[in-house]
Structures are given as C-alpha cells and as structure tokens.
C-alpha cells in the first residue's frame, strides 16, 4: 500500500511539474517567428508594474527592435557596456566598484543589469540609424516661437519658498508624498527660502519645473533622500533667450526624434506577422 501511495504521489508531482512547465514556457504570441512566452510576458508585467495587455504591446515592439538590431549588427560589446557603467557611476558620484556594491546591496543582479545596459545601448544605435536621414533641424524662427509659447517654462523665480523633507529611506518619503497629512516616522522637515543665485543649478531647474503646491521628485543627497514641497515662487523672471536657445533646440529635436521613431515602429507593428497563441490573462 505504501509503495502504491508513493507511486501515486510521484505521478501527481510529475503531472504538476509538466503543467507548471507548460505554463512557464508556453508561447503567448509569435512576432515575425520570434516567440513571446507567457512567463516572459508575466515577468515583464510584474517588473514594470504594467497590465498584461500593455506589457504585451511593449514586448511586441521589443521583439521587432531585437530583430532589427541583429539584422544591422548593432549589438553592444563589453567595452561599450563598461563605458556606460562608468558614466552612470560617475553621474551618481561613485566609483564603478562603489556603484556595483550599491547595486548588490539593493538586490540588483549585476549580470542582468549589464544585459539591460547592453540592450539600451543597442537600441540607441538603432534609433540613431532610423532618424539619421529623416530628421529636419529646427531653425531660429522655430526656436524663438517655442520660447515665446513656453515662456513660463523658461522663467526662473529669484526665490523659492519650500518645505524640505529628509529621510534615510526612499519609501518613507514616497509614503509621505502620497499622504502628506500622515505623520510618518523617520522624516525630518524644515521650512526654507532658497535663493536662485545660491543653489545648485540642477536643483533650481527641478524647482522651476515643479508647480506650486507640489512635491519635487525624490533626490539622493549622499546617504539621505530628500524632496521639496514648493509653497511659493517669488519674483519670477524670464531667462534671456540667448541663454536657453540651445536647450530649446535640443527639446525640439528630441521631440522630433521620438515622433519619427514612434511612427517608424507603428508602421512595422501594423505590418508584422503577429500570431496570438494564448490570450494573456
């Protein structure tokens, strides 16, 4: 009887294993002969906190991009990945070793992180190839028209009245921003009036872009995290055109590049051979 029970349990276990494997490895969609598995879809959905349908749309474009990258030989090599890693760590004010240790402490797999970087670099190469012969440079009249239309964006307050919030934990600040009336432990706050000519230009830009009555994004300050609640902007004045025209040019060109790339892939997706094997649920 015991032997029969063991056989039964083994049989049930085997059936369960095959069923689970079928779920994990089962193909959901085939895009130009490139499969997207249910596991891949669900993993992407969880990773980026997206509904399944939205995740599927992005994965379809991702597969088309991967095929084009292979077709044109635009894959990133190890040296390019290392250079990108050095730029990121430098911008964060860390050495590569310190940055890698920081990632590991956060539970980020270094090999996976480098794979993601390689994909981003390859995509940048692809996008550059797509727009190279299609984009038109913005001229002076277009830049001036943009400046006049968006003059509020290109105006700086001489002072900003804020409430500053510090914490050792980013999630604590996120919780406070969602519910400012909540008394959250581990946060130190104080009221300040920041003068435009005496603060970091990057911080000034963030404060300038943040509406009155809103929080700035959470920023990293050495070992702390910080956010500012913008109460009031004082004595707002336009920035002279000559000082911002290069920035406006970059903004216009960036928008044109994105529009060209979106149009390009919308067309490819509409023409792609897409077969739905299992509807994602």
C-alpha atoms as a PDB file:
ATOM      1  CA  UNK A   1       0.000   0.000   0.000  1.00  0.00           C
ATOM      2  CA  UNK A   2       2.844   2.386   0.888  1.00  0.00           C
ATOM      3  CA  UNK A   3       4.515   1.691  -2.488  1.00  0.00           C
ATOM      4  CA  UNK A   4       1.248   2.457  -4.303  1.00  0.00           C
ATOM      5  CA  UNK A   5       0.905   5.702  -2.348  1.00  0.00           C
ATOM      6  CA  UNK A   6       4.469   6.755  -3.290  1.00  0.00           C
ATOM      7  CA  UNK A   7       3.780   5.950  -6.975  1.00  0.00           C
ATOM      8  CA  UNK A   8       0.584   7.994  -6.840  1.00  0.00           C
ATOM      9  CA  UNK A   9       2.372  10.963  -5.285  1.00  0.00           C
ATOM     10  CA  UNK A  10       5.176  10.745  -7.852  1.00  0.00           C
ATOM     11  CA  UNK A  11       2.611  10.627 -10.663  1.00  0.00           C
ATOM     12  CA  UNK A  12       0.758  13.667  -9.316  1.00  0.00           C
ATOM     13  CA  UNK A  13       4.067  15.514  -8.817  1.00  0.00           C
ATOM     14  CA  UNK A  14       5.160  14.729 -12.369  1.00  0.00           C
ATOM     15  CA  UNK A  15       1.845  15.885 -13.836  1.00  0.00           C
ATOM     16  CA  UNK A  16       2.076  19.118 -11.781  1.00  0.00           C
ATOM     17  CA  UNK A  17       5.650  19.737 -12.930  1.00  0.00           C
ATOM     18  CA  UNK A  18       4.733  19.311 -16.586  1.00  0.00           C
ATOM     19  CA  UNK A  19       1.686  21.545 -16.147  1.00  0.00           C
ATOM     20  CA  UNK A  20       3.790  24.238 -14.500  1.00  0.00           C
ATOM     21  CA  UNK A  21       6.475  23.953 -17.172  1.00  0.00           C
ATOM     22  CA  UNK A  22       3.797  24.305 -19.824  1.00  0.00           C
ATOM     23  CA  UNK A  23       2.550  27.479 -18.156  1.00  0.00           C
ATOM     24  CA  UNK A  24       6.031  28.955 -17.795  1.00  0.00           C
ATOM     25  CA  UNK A  25       7.349  28.045 -21.231  1.00  0.00           C
ATOM     26  CA  UNK A  26       4.056  28.219 -23.126  1.00  0.00           C
ATOM     27  CA  UNK A  27       4.121  30.625 -26.032  1.00  0.00           C
ATOM     28  CA  UNK A  28       1.665  33.519 -25.832  1.00  0.00           C
ATOM     29  CA  UNK A  29       2.417  35.397 -29.076  1.00  0.00           C
ATOM     30  CA  UNK A  30       4.683  34.887 -32.100  1.00  0.00           C
ATOM     31  CA  UNK A  31       6.047  38.068 -33.722  1.00  0.00           C
ATOM     32  CA  UNK A  32       7.711  37.517 -37.106  1.00  0.00           C
ATOM     33  CA  UNK A  33       8.694  33.993 -35.964  1.00  0.00           C
ATOM     34  CA  UNK A  34      10.036  35.314 -32.609  1.00  0.00           C
ATOM     35  CA  UNK A  35       8.058  33.862 -29.665  1.00  0.00           C
ATOM     36  CA  UNK A  36       6.949  35.733 -26.554  1.00  0.00           C
ATOM     37  CA  UNK A  37       6.318  33.251 -23.742  1.00  0.00           C
ATOM     38  CA  UNK A  38       3.687  33.603 -21.039  1.00  0.00           C
ATOM     39  CA  UNK A  39       6.478  33.623 -18.465  1.00  0.00           C
ATOM     40  CA  UNK A  40       8.313  36.422 -20.289  1.00  0.00           C
ATOM     41  CA  UNK A  41       5.085  38.414 -20.518  1.00  0.00           C
ATOM     42  CA  UNK A  42       4.145  37.981 -16.856  1.00  0.00           C
ATOM     43  CA  UNK A  43       7.698  38.712 -15.717  1.00  0.00           C
ATOM     44  CA  UNK A  44       7.763  41.943 -17.775  1.00  0.00           C
ATOM     45  CA  UNK A  45       4.346  42.927 -16.421  1.00  0.00           C
ATOM     46  CA  UNK A  46       5.494  42.495 -12.808  1.00  0.00           C
ATOM     47  CA  UNK A  47       8.921  44.075 -13.368  1.00  0.00           C
ATOM     48  CA  UNK A  48       7.487  47.299 -14.822  1.00  0.00           C
ATOM     49  CA  UNK A  49       4.143  47.206 -12.979  1.00  0.00           C
ATOM     50  CA  UNK A  50       2.095  47.143 -16.191  1.00  0.00           C
ATOM     51  CA  UNK A  51      -1.202  45.497 -17.171  1.00  0.00           C
ATOM     52  CA  UNK A  52      -0.649  42.349 -19.288  1.00  0.00           C
ATOM     53  CA  UNK A  53      -2.051  43.898 -22.477  1.00  0.00           C
ATOM     54  CA  UNK A  54       0.208  46.943 -22.180  1.00  0.00           C
ATOM     55  CA  UNK A  55       3.209  44.737 -21.372  1.00  0.00           C
ATOM     56  CA  UNK A  56       2.439  42.630 -24.449  1.00  0.00           C
ATOM     57  CA  UNK A  57       2.343  45.692 -26.723  1.00  0.00           C
ATOM     58  CA  UNK A  58       5.753  46.793 -25.459  1.00  0.00           C
ATOM     59  CA  UNK A  59       7.202  43.284 -25.817  1.00  0.00           C
ATOM     60  CA  UNK A  60       5.970  43.083 -29.427  1.00  0.00           C
ATOM     61  CA  UNK A  61       7.872  46.278 -30.237  1.00  0.00           C
ATOM     62  CA  UNK A  62      10.831  44.933 -28.243  1.00  0.00           C
ATOM     63  CA  UNK A  63      10.960  41.784 -30.395  1.00  0.00           C
ATOM     64  CA  UNK A  64      10.859  43.841 -33.590  1.00  0.00           C
ATOM     65  CA  UNK A  65      13.680  46.042 -32.257  1.00  0.00           C
ATOM     66  CA  UNK A  66      15.768  42.968 -31.328  1.00  0.00           C
ATOM     67  CA  UNK A  67      15.376  41.565 -34.843  1.00  0.00           C
ATOM     68  CA  UNK A  68      16.465  44.874 -36.382  1.00  0.00           C
ATOM     69  CA  UNK A  69      19.466  45.141 -34.047  1.00  0.00           C
ATOM     70  CA  UNK A  70      20.588  41.666 -35.146  1.00  0.00           C
ATOM     71  CA  UNK A  71      19.890  42.445 -38.809  1.00  0.00           C
ATOM     72  CA  UNK A  72      22.088  45.562 -38.755  1.00  0.00           C
ATOM     73  CA  UNK A  73      24.719  44.176 -36.352  1.00  0.00           C
ATOM     74  CA  UNK A  74      24.179  46.883 -33.727  1.00  0.00           C
ATOM     75  CA  UNK A  75      24.751  44.787 -30.594  1.00  0.00           C
ATOM     76  CA  UNK A  76      26.746  46.478 -27.796  1.00  0.00           C
ATOM     77  CA  UNK A  77      30.114  44.955 -26.861  1.00  0.00           C
ATOM     78  CA  UNK A  78      31.611  44.626 -23.348  1.00  0.00           C
ATOM     79  CA  UNK A  79      33.711  47.779 -23.716  1.00  0.00           C
ATOM     80  CA  UNK A  80      30.648  49.872 -24.558  1.00  0.00           C
ATOM     81  CA  UNK A  81      28.790  48.443 -21.551  1.00  0.00           C
ATOM     82  CA  UNK A  82      31.744  49.199 -19.242  1.00  0.00           C
ATOM     83  CA  UNK A  83      31.924  52.778 -20.573  1.00  0.00           C
ATOM     84  CA  UNK A  84      28.192  53.221 -19.952  1.00  0.00           C
ATOM     85  CA  UNK A  85      28.555  51.813 -16.429  1.00  0.00           C
ATOM     86  CA  UNK A  86      31.385  54.265 -15.749  1.00  0.00           C
ATOM     87  CA  UNK A  87      29.236  57.209 -16.909  1.00  0.00           C
ATOM     88  CA  UNK A  88      26.324  56.143 -14.705  1.00  0.00           C
ATOM     89  CA  UNK A  89      28.507  55.632 -11.629  1.00  0.00           C
ATOM     90  CA  UNK A  90      30.283  58.974 -12.252  1.00  0.00           C
ATOM     91  CA  UNK A  91      26.938  60.809 -12.511  1.00  0.00           C
ATOM     92  CA  UNK A  92      25.948  59.204  -9.209  1.00  0.00           C
ATOM     93  CA  UNK A  93      29.196  60.473  -7.654  1.00  0.00           C
ATOM     94  CA  UNK A  94      30.601  56.956  -7.149  1.00  0.00           C
ATOM     95  CA  UNK A  95      33.439  54.821  -8.422  1.00  0.00           C
ATOM     96  CA  UNK A  96      32.451  51.774 -10.507  1.00  0.00           C
ATOM     97  CA  UNK A  97      33.313  49.466  -7.590  1.00  0.00           C
ATOM     98  CA  UNK A  98      31.188  51.515  -5.153  1.00  0.00           C
ATOM     99  CA  UNK A  99      28.313  51.619  -7.659  1.00  0.00           C
ATOM    100  CA  UNK A 100      28.440  47.850  -8.216  1.00  0.00           C
ATOM    101  CA  UNK A 101      28.441  47.318  -4.430  1.00  0.00           C
ATOM    102  CA  UNK A 102      25.459  49.687  -4.173  1.00  0.00           C
ATOM    103  CA  UNK A 103      23.557  47.639  -6.782  1.00  0.00           C
ATOM    104  CA  UNK A 104      24.310  44.390  -4.957  1.00  0.00           C
ATOM    105  CA  UNK A 105      23.109  45.858  -1.657  1.00  0.00           C
ATOM    106  CA  UNK A 106      19.870  46.797  -3.402  1.00  0.00           C
ATOM    107  CA  UNK A 107      19.499  43.189  -4.581  1.00  0.00           C
ATOM    108  CA  UNK A 108      20.205  44.008  -8.230  1.00  0.00           C
ATOM    109  CA  UNK A 109      21.915  41.213 -10.176  1.00  0.00           C
ATOM    110  CA  UNK A 110      24.993  42.789 -11.805  1.00  0.00           C
ATOM    111  CA  UNK A 111      24.946  40.497 -14.865  1.00  0.00           C
ATOM    112  CA  UNK A 112      21.277  41.289 -15.508  1.00  0.00           C
ATOM    113  CA  UNK A 113      21.973  44.994 -15.038  1.00  0.00           C
ATOM    114  CA  UNK A 114      24.748  44.831 -17.648  1.00  0.00           C
ATOM    115  CA  UNK A 115      22.469  42.927 -20.038  1.00  0.00           C
ATOM    116  CA  UNK A 116      19.873  45.707 -19.683  1.00  0.00           C
ATOM    117  CA  UNK A 117      22.566  48.309 -20.360  1.00  0.00           C
ATOM    118  CA  UNK A 118      23.680  46.415 -23.480  1.00  0.00           C
ATOM    119  CA  UNK A 119      20.075  46.412 -24.744  1.00  0.00           C
ATOM    120  CA  UNK A 120      19.719  50.164 -24.117  1.00  0.00           C
ATOM    121  CA  UNK A 121      22.971  50.929 -25.943  1.00  0.00           C
ATOM    122  CA  UNK A 122      21.943  48.765 -28.916  1.00  0.00           C
ATOM    123  CA  UNK A 123      18.547  50.476 -29.056  1.00  0.00           C
ATOM    124  CA  UNK A 124      20.203  53.908 -29.045  1.00  0.00           C
ATOM    125  CA  UNK A 125      22.280  52.823 -32.043  1.00  0.00           C
ATOM    126  CA  UNK A 126      19.152  51.574 -33.795  1.00  0.00           C
ATOM    127  CA  UNK A 127      17.209  54.793 -33.121  1.00  0.00           C
ATOM    128  CA  UNK A 128      20.136  56.857 -34.405  1.00  0.00           C
ATOM    129  CA  UNK A 129      20.109  54.809 -37.608  1.00  0.00           C
ATOM    130  CA  UNK A 130      16.346  55.234 -38.011  1.00  0.00           C
ATOM    131  CA  UNK A 131      16.335  59.039 -37.639  1.00  0.00           C
ATOM    132  CA  UNK A 132      19.664  59.830 -39.365  1.00  0.00           C
ATOM    133  CA  UNK A 133      18.198  60.601 -42.801  1.00  0.00           C
ATOM    134  CA  UNK A 134      14.685  61.548 -41.740  1.00  0.00           C
ATOM    135  CA  UNK A 135      15.076  64.357 -39.202  1.00  0.00           C
ATOM    136  CA  UNK A 136      14.973  68.082 -40.034  1.00  0.00           C
ATOM    137  CA  UNK A 137      16.939  70.567 -37.912  1.00  0.00           C
ATOM    138  CA  UNK A 138      14.970  73.252 -36.103  1.00  0.00           C
ATOM    139  CA  UNK A 139      15.746  76.771 -37.353  1.00  0.00           C
ATOM    140  CA  UNK A 140      15.978  80.043 -35.423  1.00  0.00           C
ATOM    141  CA  UNK A 141      12.362  81.074 -36.089  1.00  0.00           C
ATOM    142  CA  UNK A 142      11.041  77.759 -34.711  1.00  0.00           C
ATOM    143  CA  UNK A 143      13.222  78.045 -31.609  1.00  0.00           C
ATOM    144  CA  UNK A 144      12.030  81.623 -30.932  1.00  0.00           C
ATOM    145  CA  UNK A 145       8.385  80.632 -31.450  1.00  0.00           C
ATOM    146  CA  UNK A 146       8.799  77.755 -28.962  1.00  0.00           C
ATOM    147  CA  UNK A 147      10.419  80.138 -26.445  1.00  0.00           C
ATOM    148  CA  UNK A 148       7.503  82.579 -26.656  1.00  0.00           C
ATOM    149  CA  UNK A 149       4.871  79.849 -26.452  1.00  0.00           C
ATOM    150  CA  UNK A 150       6.503  78.210 -23.402  1.00  0.00           C
ATOM    151  CA  UNK A 151       7.830  81.331 -21.678  1.00  0.00           C
ATOM    152  CA  UNK A 152       6.574  80.045 -18.306  1.00  0.00           C
ATOM    153  CA  UNK A 153       8.954  77.061 -18.583  1.00  0.00           C
ATOM    154  CA  UNK A 154      11.843  79.412 -19.334  1.00  0.00           C
ATOM    155  CA  UNK A 155      11.245  81.734 -16.398  1.00  0.00           C
ATOM    156  CA  UNK A 156      13.121  81.498 -13.092  1.00  0.00           C
ATOM    157  CA  UNK A 157      11.953  82.558  -9.636  1.00  0.00           C
ATOM    158  CA  UNK A 158      14.513  84.635  -7.755  1.00  0.00           C
ATOM    159  CA  UNK A 159      13.490  82.815  -4.575  1.00  0.00           C
ATOM    160  CA  UNK A 160      11.505  79.672  -3.794  1.00  0.00           C
ATOM    161  CA  UNK A 161       9.655  79.115  -0.545  1.00  0.00           C
ATOM    162  CA  UNK A 162       9.760  75.380   0.256  1.00  0.00           C
ATOM    163  CA  UNK A 163       9.384  72.787   2.957  1.00  0.00           C
ATOM    164  CA  UNK A 164      12.325  70.376   2.829  1.00  0.00           C
ATOM    165  CA  UNK A 165      11.897  66.702   3.832  1.00  0.00           C
ATOM    166  CA  UNK A 166      14.849  64.386   4.632  1.00  0.00           C
ATOM    167  CA  UNK A 167      14.832  60.635   5.243  1.00  0.00           C
ATOM    168  CA  UNK A 168      17.236  57.686   5.226  1.00  0.00           C
ATOM    169  CA  UNK A 169      14.602  55.668   3.374  1.00  0.00           C
ATOM    170  CA  UNK A 170      13.145  56.493  -0.061  1.00  0.00           C
ATOM    171  CA  UNK A 171       9.942  54.501   0.564  1.00  0.00           C
ATOM    172  CA  UNK A 172       9.246  56.563   3.688  1.00  0.00           C
ATOM    173  CA  UNK A 173       9.264  59.739   1.583  1.00  0.00           C
ATOM    174  CA  UNK A 174       7.062  58.075  -1.054  1.00  0.00           C
ATOM    175  CA  UNK A 175       4.550  57.231   1.673  1.00  0.00           C
ATOM    176  CA  UNK A 176       4.584  60.838   2.946  1.00  0.00           C
ATOM    177  CA  UNK A 177       4.145  62.301  -0.559  1.00  0.00           C
ATOM    178  CA  UNK A 178       1.078  60.080  -1.138  1.00  0.00           C
ATOM    179  CA  UNK A 179      -0.452  61.245   2.149  1.00  0.00           C
ATOM    180  CA  UNK A 180       1.176  64.492   3.413  1.00  0.00           C
ATOM    181  CA  UNK A 181      -1.209  64.680   6.388  1.00  0.00           C
ATOM    182  CA  UNK A 182       0.115  61.351   7.690  1.00  0.00           C
ATOM    183  CA  UNK A 183       2.707  61.571  10.481  1.00  0.00           C
ATOM    184  CA  UNK A 184       5.437  59.302   9.079  1.00  0.00           C
ATOM    185  CA  UNK A 185       8.373  58.319  11.280  1.00  0.00           C
ATOM    186  CA  UNK A 186      11.947  58.818  10.136  1.00  0.00           C
ATOM    187  CA  UNK A 187      11.374  62.125   8.316  1.00  0.00           C
ATOM    188  CA  UNK A 188      12.974  65.437   9.273  1.00  0.00           C
ATOM    189  CA  UNK A 189      11.396  68.575   7.794  1.00  0.00           C
ATOM    190  CA  UNK A 190      12.078  72.296   7.833  1.00  0.00           C
ATOM    191  CA  UNK A 191      10.846  75.432   6.064  1.00  0.00           C
ATOM    192  CA  UNK A 192      13.315  77.293   3.861  1.00  0.00           C
ATOM    193  CA  UNK A 193      13.523  80.134   1.383  1.00  0.00           C
ATOM    194  CA  UNK A 194      16.001  79.159  -1.349  1.00  0.00           C
ATOM    195  CA  UNK A 195      17.716  81.878  -3.379  1.00  0.00           C
ATOM    196  CA  UNK A 196      18.180  81.120  -7.083  1.00  0.00           C
ATOM    197  CA  UNK A 197      21.722  82.506  -7.178  1.00  0.00           C
ATOM    198  CA  UNK A 198      22.930  80.373  -4.285  1.00  0.00           C
ATOM    199  CA  UNK A 199      21.596  76.862  -5.002  1.00  0.00           C
ATOM    200  CA  UNK A 200      22.734  74.081  -7.332  1.00  0.00           C
ATOM    201  CA  UNK A 201      21.588  74.793 -10.943  1.00  0.00           C
ATOM    202  CA  UNK A 202      20.150  71.253 -11.214  1.00  0.00           C
ATOM    203  CA  UNK A 203      18.053  71.809  -8.090  1.00  0.00           C
ATOM    204  CA  UNK A 204      16.954  75.207  -9.391  1.00  0.00           C
ATOM    205  CA  UNK A 205      15.812  73.557 -12.639  1.00  0.00           C
ATOM    206  CA  UNK A 206      13.803  70.930 -10.697  1.00  0.00           C
ATOM    207  CA  UNK A 207      12.180  73.601  -8.510  1.00  0.00           C
ATOM    208  CA  UNK A 208      11.417  75.666 -11.614  1.00  0.00           C
ATOM    209  CA  UNK A 209       9.678  72.672 -13.248  1.00  0.00           C
ATOM    210  CA  UNK A 210       7.671  71.799 -10.107  1.00  0.00           C
ATOM    211  CA  UNK A 211       4.305  73.521  -9.742  1.00  0.00           C
ATOM    212  CA  UNK A 212       3.411  75.442  -6.600  1.00  0.00           C
ATOM    213  CA  UNK A 213       1.625  73.135  -4.155  1.00  0.00           C
ATOM    214  CA  UNK A 214       3.515  70.056  -5.437  1.00  0.00           C
ATOM    215  CA  UNK A 215       6.465  67.892  -4.404  1.00  0.00           C
ATOM    216  CA  UNK A 216       9.681  67.602  -6.394  1.00  0.00           C
ATOM    217  CA  UNK A 217      10.878  64.113  -7.375  1.00  0.00           C
ATOM    218  CA  UNK A 218      12.799  62.351  -4.607  1.00  0.00           C
ATOM    219  CA  UNK A 219      16.501  63.231  -4.870  1.00  0.00           C
ATOM    220  CA  UNK A 220      19.589  61.486  -3.496  1.00  0.00           C
ATOM    221  CA  UNK A 221      21.775  63.506  -1.128  1.00  0.00           C
ATOM    222  CA  UNK A 222      24.860  61.492  -0.047  1.00  0.00           C
ATOM    223  CA  UNK A 223      23.308  58.793   2.183  1.00  0.00           C
ATOM    224  CA  UNK A 224      19.950  60.535   2.555  1.00  0.00           C
ATOM    225  CA  UNK A 225      16.905  61.069   0.373  1.00  0.00           C
ATOM    226  CA  UNK A 226      15.252  64.457   0.021  1.00  0.00           C
ATOM    227  CA  UNK A 227      12.160  66.059  -1.504  1.00  0.00           C
ATOM    228  CA  UNK A 228      10.879  69.639  -1.516  1.00  0.00           C
ATOM    229  CA  UNK A 229       7.289  70.820  -1.244  1.00  0.00           C
ATOM    230  CA  UNK A 230       7.128  74.003  -3.330  1.00  0.00           C
ATOM    231  CA  UNK A 231       4.987  76.544  -1.479  1.00  0.00           C
ATOM    232  CA  UNK A 232       5.600  79.712  -3.483  1.00  0.00           C
ATOM    233  CA  UNK A 233       7.813  81.034  -6.261  1.00  0.00           C
ATOM    234  CA  UNK A 234       8.870  84.646  -5.717  1.00  0.00           C
ATOM    235  CA  UNK A 235       9.756  87.290  -8.328  1.00  0.00           C
ATOM    236  CA  UNK A 236       9.612  85.065 -11.427  1.00  0.00           C
ATOM    237  CA  UNK A 237      11.578  86.456 -14.408  1.00  0.00           C
ATOM    238  CA  UNK A 238      12.103  85.124 -17.969  1.00  0.00           C
ATOM    239  CA  UNK A 239      15.551  83.712 -18.775  1.00  0.00           C
ATOM    240  CA  UNK A 240      17.160  85.639 -21.668  1.00  0.00           C
ATOM    241  CA  UNK A 241      16.560  83.855 -24.985  1.00  0.00           C
ATOM    242  CA  UNK A 242      20.275  83.530 -25.820  1.00  0.00           C
ATOM    243  CA  UNK A 243      20.888  81.559 -22.627  1.00  0.00           C
ATOM    244  CA  UNK A 244      18.230  78.921 -23.359  1.00  0.00           C
ATOM    245  CA  UNK A 245      18.077  78.637 -27.143  1.00  0.00           C
ATOM    246  CA  UNK A 246      20.447  75.624 -27.218  1.00  0.00           C
ATOM    247  CA  UNK A 247      18.291  73.865 -24.635  1.00  0.00           C
ATOM    248  CA  UNK A 248      15.131  74.648 -26.647  1.00  0.00           C
ATOM    249  CA  UNK A 249      16.795  73.352 -29.820  1.00  0.00           C
ATOM    250  CA  UNK A 250      17.597  70.068 -28.005  1.00  0.00           C
ATOM    251  CA  UNK A 251      13.994  69.817 -26.731  1.00  0.00           C
ATOM    252  CA  UNK A 252      12.526  70.311 -30.218  1.00  0.00           C
ATOM    253  CA  UNK A 253      14.932  67.820 -31.800  1.00  0.00           C
ATOM    254  CA  UNK A 254      14.298  65.245 -29.086  1.00  0.00           C
ATOM    255  CA  UNK A 255      10.537  65.501 -29.716  1.00  0.00           C
ATOM    256  CA  UNK A 256      11.080  65.102 -33.482  1.00  0.00           C
ATOM    257  CA  UNK A 257      13.288  62.052 -32.957  1.00  0.00           C
ATOM    258  CA  UNK A 258      10.677  60.411 -30.717  1.00  0.00           C
ATOM    259  CA  UNK A 259       7.901  61.130 -33.226  1.00  0.00           C
ATOM    260  CA  UNK A 260       9.934  59.637 -36.104  1.00  0.00           C
ATOM    261  CA  UNK A 261      10.800  56.525 -34.076  1.00  0.00           C
ATOM    262  CA  UNK A 262       7.189  56.037 -32.918  1.00  0.00           C
ATOM    263  CA  UNK A 263       5.860  56.418 -36.468  1.00  0.00           C
ATOM    264  CA  UNK A 264       8.503  54.004 -37.770  1.00  0.00           C
ATOM    265  CA  UNK A 265       7.619  51.266 -35.289  1.00  0.00           C
ATOM    266  CA  UNK A 266       3.857  51.847 -35.515  1.00  0.00           C
ATOM    267  CA  UNK A 267       4.186  51.058 -39.236  1.00  0.00           C
ATOM    268  CA  UNK A 268       6.372  47.971 -38.629  1.00  0.00           C
ATOM    269  CA  UNK A 269       3.991  46.641 -35.978  1.00  0.00           C
ATOM    270  CA  UNK A 270       0.980  47.135 -38.275  1.00  0.00           C
ATOM    271  CA  UNK A 271       2.790  45.161 -40.992  1.00  0.00           C
ATOM    272  CA  UNK A 272       4.237  42.475 -38.691  1.00  0.00           C
ATOM    273  CA  UNK A 273       3.137  38.855 -38.779  1.00  0.00           C
ATOM    274  CA  UNK A 274       1.677  38.505 -35.277  1.00  0.00           C
ATOM    275  CA  UNK A 275       0.035  35.258 -34.155  1.00  0.00           C
ATOM    276  CA  UNK A 276      -1.734  35.031 -30.811  1.00  0.00           C
ATOM    277  CA  UNK A 277      -1.243  31.500 -29.472  1.00  0.00           C
ATOM    278  CA  UNK A 278      -2.601  32.099 -25.952  1.00  0.00           C
ATOM    279  CA  UNK A 279      -4.521  35.206 -24.926  1.00  0.00           C
ATOM    280  CA  UNK A 280      -2.762  36.776 -21.903  1.00  0.00           C
ATOM    281  CA  UNK A 281      -4.953  36.942 -18.783  1.00  0.00           C
END
